[in-house]
């Protein structure tokens, strides 16, 4: 697996094979309860036009989630971000169909106060073959040219405070996994 450091991101090309990616979709998305994604904190969540995605959750102890959490820990160390990380949330498997998108946002604003945790590192893994969908580009940082790898099985890791978005899908379906590495609440 090739690792590349760009600006404030780490990108891993071909971390998973196409058959691994399809197995993840089949195991989790097809067999789990799928819901329309919401935005907001743990108490005040709502469907809003800022985001149009269907999601399901992958438990924290799933081997895929544990592997991805390890990749987030490695990126945090190698990039010298210096975040104190001690846990991760469930993995979120997303399905973006035509019109599906997620406007500019950062993940660090979401944290679980009750557990004393704060999102510090975000990770996104591409599950779909880029030939089967158009649009759906993950852009990290406020520059339109800062597109993440589209290669099936690729992973990008970045500080959760970074603004990012997924552009609207115009054809086909894009699947991805998002994972957040957390640590003690930052003051």
Protein backbone atom coordinates (compact mmCIF):
# COMPACT_ATOMS: atom_id res chain seq x y z
CA UNK A 1 0.00 0.00 0.00
CA UNK A 2 1.42 3.36 -1.05
CA UNK A 3 1.11 6.24 1.42
CA UNK A 4 1.28 9.87 0.31
CA UNK A 5 1.38 13.00 2.45
CA UNK A 6 -0.19 16.04 0.76
CA UNK A 7 -0.72 19.36 2.54
CA UNK A 8 -2.51 18.21 5.71
CA UNK A 9 -3.78 14.86 4.46
CA UNK A 10 -2.50 11.31 4.24
CA UNK A 11 -3.73 9.26 1.30
CA UNK A 12 -3.37 5.51 0.93
CA UNK A 13 -3.82 4.13 -2.59
CA UNK A 14 -5.35 0.66 -3.00
CA UNK A 15 -5.60 -0.10 0.72
CA UNK A 16 -8.41 -2.57 -0.09
CA UNK A 17 -9.04 -4.65 -3.24
CA UNK A 18 -12.19 -4.19 -5.34
CA UNK A 19 -13.54 -7.53 -4.06
CA UNK A 20 -12.89 -6.43 -0.44
CA UNK A 21 -14.80 -3.20 -1.13
CA UNK A 22 -17.77 -5.08 -2.60
CA UNK A 23 -17.78 -7.48 0.35
CA UNK A 24 -17.96 -4.53 2.76
CA UNK A 25 -20.95 -3.10 0.87
CA UNK A 26 -22.67 -6.50 0.72
CA UNK A 27 -22.00 -7.32 4.37
CA UNK A 28 -22.98 -4.00 5.87
CA UNK A 29 -25.08 -1.84 3.57
CA UNK A 30 -27.25 -4.60 2.19
CA UNK A 31 -27.84 -6.27 5.59
CA UNK A 32 -28.13 -3.26 7.92
CA UNK A 33 -30.88 -0.74 8.57
CA UNK A 34 -30.33 2.09 6.10
CA UNK A 35 -31.54 5.59 6.98
CA UNK A 36 -31.36 9.06 5.49
CA UNK A 37 -28.40 10.88 7.03
CA UNK A 38 -29.05 13.74 9.41
CA UNK A 39 -26.90 16.60 10.61
CA UNK A 40 -26.66 18.21 14.04
CA UNK A 41 -25.50 17.16 17.47
CA UNK A 42 -26.59 14.05 19.37
CA UNK A 43 -29.72 15.77 20.71
CA UNK A 44 -30.80 18.04 17.86
CA UNK A 45 -30.56 16.10 14.61
CA UNK A 46 -32.53 16.78 11.47
CA UNK A 47 -32.62 16.02 7.77
CA UNK A 48 -31.47 19.13 5.95
CA UNK A 49 -30.56 20.13 2.40
CA UNK A 50 -26.90 20.51 3.46
CA UNK A 51 -26.58 16.73 3.11
CA UNK A 52 -28.29 14.06 1.01
CA UNK A 53 -26.91 10.61 1.81
CA UNK A 54 -28.23 7.24 2.92
CA UNK A 55 -26.21 5.63 5.70
CA UNK A 56 -25.83 2.61 7.93
CA UNK A 57 -23.47 2.00 10.84
CA UNK A 58 -20.59 -0.46 11.24
CA UNK A 59 -19.82 -1.39 14.88
CA UNK A 60 -16.58 -0.14 16.49
CA UNK A 61 -15.37 -3.73 16.99
CA UNK A 62 -15.81 -4.73 13.32
CA UNK A 63 -12.45 -5.76 11.74
CA UNK A 64 -12.81 -3.13 8.98
CA UNK A 65 -13.38 -0.35 11.54
CA UNK A 66 -10.45 -1.54 13.66
CA UNK A 67 -8.17 -1.60 10.60
CA UNK A 68 -9.27 1.90 9.55
CA UNK A 69 -8.80 3.23 13.09
CA UNK A 70 -5.25 1.87 13.00
CA UNK A 71 -4.64 3.73 9.71
CA UNK A 72 -5.89 6.94 11.36
CA UNK A 73 -3.45 6.38 14.25
CA UNK A 74 -0.56 5.82 11.82
CA UNK A 75 -1.40 8.96 9.83
CA UNK A 76 -1.66 11.02 13.05
CA UNK A 77 1.79 9.83 14.07
CA UNK A 78 3.54 10.14 10.70
CA UNK A 79 2.02 13.56 9.94
CA UNK A 80 3.01 14.81 13.41
CA UNK A 81 -0.49 16.13 14.03
CA UNK A 82 -0.01 15.26 17.71
CA UNK A 83 -3.64 14.53 18.53
CA UNK A 84 -4.32 12.43 21.61
CA UNK A 85 -6.45 9.60 20.18
CA UNK A 86 -7.87 6.77 22.24
CA UNK A 87 -11.04 5.60 20.49
CA UNK A 88 -13.17 5.69 17.38
CA UNK A 89 -16.85 5.88 16.69
CA UNK A 90 -18.83 3.42 14.63
CA UNK A 91 -17.96 3.46 10.96
CA UNK A 92 -20.53 5.20 8.78
CA UNK A 93 -21.15 3.56 5.41
CA UNK A 94 -22.67 6.10 3.03
CA UNK A 95 -24.54 5.73 -0.24
CA UNK A 96 -24.64 8.72 -2.59
CA UNK A 97 -27.12 8.31 -5.46
CA UNK A 98 -27.78 10.96 -8.16
CA UNK A 99 -28.20 14.29 -6.37
CA UNK A 100 -26.48 12.91 -3.25
CA UNK A 101 -23.94 15.29 -1.73
CA UNK A 102 -22.58 16.75 1.51
CA UNK A 103 -21.83 20.50 1.52
CA UNK A 104 -18.83 22.12 3.22
CA UNK A 105 -18.43 21.10 6.86
CA UNK A 106 -15.87 20.01 9.42
CA UNK A 107 -16.19 16.97 11.66
CA UNK A 108 -14.50 18.33 14.78
CA UNK A 109 -17.56 20.35 15.75
CA UNK A 110 -19.28 17.07 16.62
CA UNK A 111 -18.29 15.47 19.88
CA UNK A 112 -19.80 13.34 22.59
CA UNK A 113 -19.72 15.51 25.73
CA UNK A 114 -21.24 12.76 27.86
CA UNK A 115 -18.27 10.49 27.12
CA UNK A 116 -15.74 13.33 27.21
CA UNK A 117 -14.69 12.67 23.60
CA UNK A 118 -13.91 15.01 20.72
CA UNK A 119 -13.47 14.09 17.04
CA UNK A 120 -9.89 14.88 16.04
CA UNK A 121 -9.09 12.85 12.91
CA UNK A 122 -11.39 11.97 10.00
CA UNK A 123 -10.90 9.08 7.58
CA UNK A 124 -12.77 8.36 4.34
CA UNK A 125 -12.44 5.15 2.32
CA UNK A 126 -13.72 4.93 -1.25
CA UNK A 127 -15.66 1.71 -1.85
CA UNK A 128 -17.03 2.26 -5.38
CA UNK A 129 -15.26 1.85 -8.69
CA UNK A 130 -14.99 5.43 -10.02
CA UNK A 131 -16.07 4.24 -13.48
CA UNK A 132 -19.61 3.53 -12.22
CA UNK A 133 -20.42 7.06 -11.00
CA UNK A 134 -19.84 10.69 -11.96
CA UNK A 135 -19.48 13.57 -9.51
CA UNK A 136 -19.21 12.56 -5.88
CA UNK A 137 -15.73 14.01 -5.48
CA UNK A 138 -14.43 14.32 -1.94
CA UNK A 139 -12.73 17.70 -1.66
CA UNK A 140 -10.63 18.32 1.45
CA UNK A 141 -9.58 21.88 2.24
CA UNK A 142 -11.18 24.96 0.80
CA UNK A 143 -9.60 24.64 -2.64
CA UNK A 144 -11.67 23.02 -5.37
CA UNK A 145 -8.54 21.30 -6.72
CA UNK A 146 -7.87 19.43 -3.47
CA UNK A 147 -9.67 16.25 -4.57
CA UNK A 148 -9.04 13.00 -2.75
CA UNK A 149 -8.09 9.83 -4.58
CA UNK A 150 -11.08 8.27 -6.36
CA UNK A 151 -9.43 4.88 -6.71
CA UNK A 152 -11.55 2.06 -5.30
CA UNK A 153 -10.13 1.00 -1.94
CA UNK A 154 -8.22 4.25 -1.38
CA UNK A 155 -8.19 6.00 2.00
CA UNK A 156 -7.69 9.65 2.95
CA UNK A 157 -7.00 10.77 6.52
CA UNK A 158 -7.06 14.40 7.68
CA UNK A 159 -7.58 16.52 10.81
CA UNK A 160 -11.31 16.65 11.63
CA UNK A 161 -11.14 20.45 11.78
CA UNK A 162 -10.52 20.67 8.01
CA UNK A 163 -13.41 21.80 5.85
CA UNK A 164 -14.46 19.20 3.28
CA UNK A 165 -17.38 18.25 1.06
CA UNK A 166 -18.69 15.64 -1.36
CA UNK A 167 -19.83 17.14 -4.67
CA UNK A 168 -23.21 16.02 -6.06
CA UNK A 169 -23.30 12.63 -7.75
CA UNK A 170 -24.67 13.01 -11.27
CA UNK A 171 -24.68 9.36 -12.39
CA UNK A 172 -24.48 5.99 -10.63
CA UNK A 173 -23.87 5.31 -6.96
CA UNK A 174 -20.88 6.17 -4.77
CA UNK A 175 -20.27 4.18 -1.57
CA UNK A 176 -17.76 5.21 1.10
CA UNK A 177 -16.92 4.61 4.74
CA UNK A 178 -16.27 7.49 7.12
CA UNK A 179 -14.57 6.99 10.46
CA UNK A 180 -13.67 9.43 13.21
CA UNK A 181 -10.81 8.95 15.65
CA UNK A 182 -11.50 10.66 18.96
CA UNK A 183 -9.75 11.63 22.13
CA UNK A 184 -10.26 13.73 25.25
CA UNK A 185 -12.23 16.95 24.71
CA UNK A 186 -9.97 19.78 23.53
CA UNK A 187 -10.18 22.91 25.63
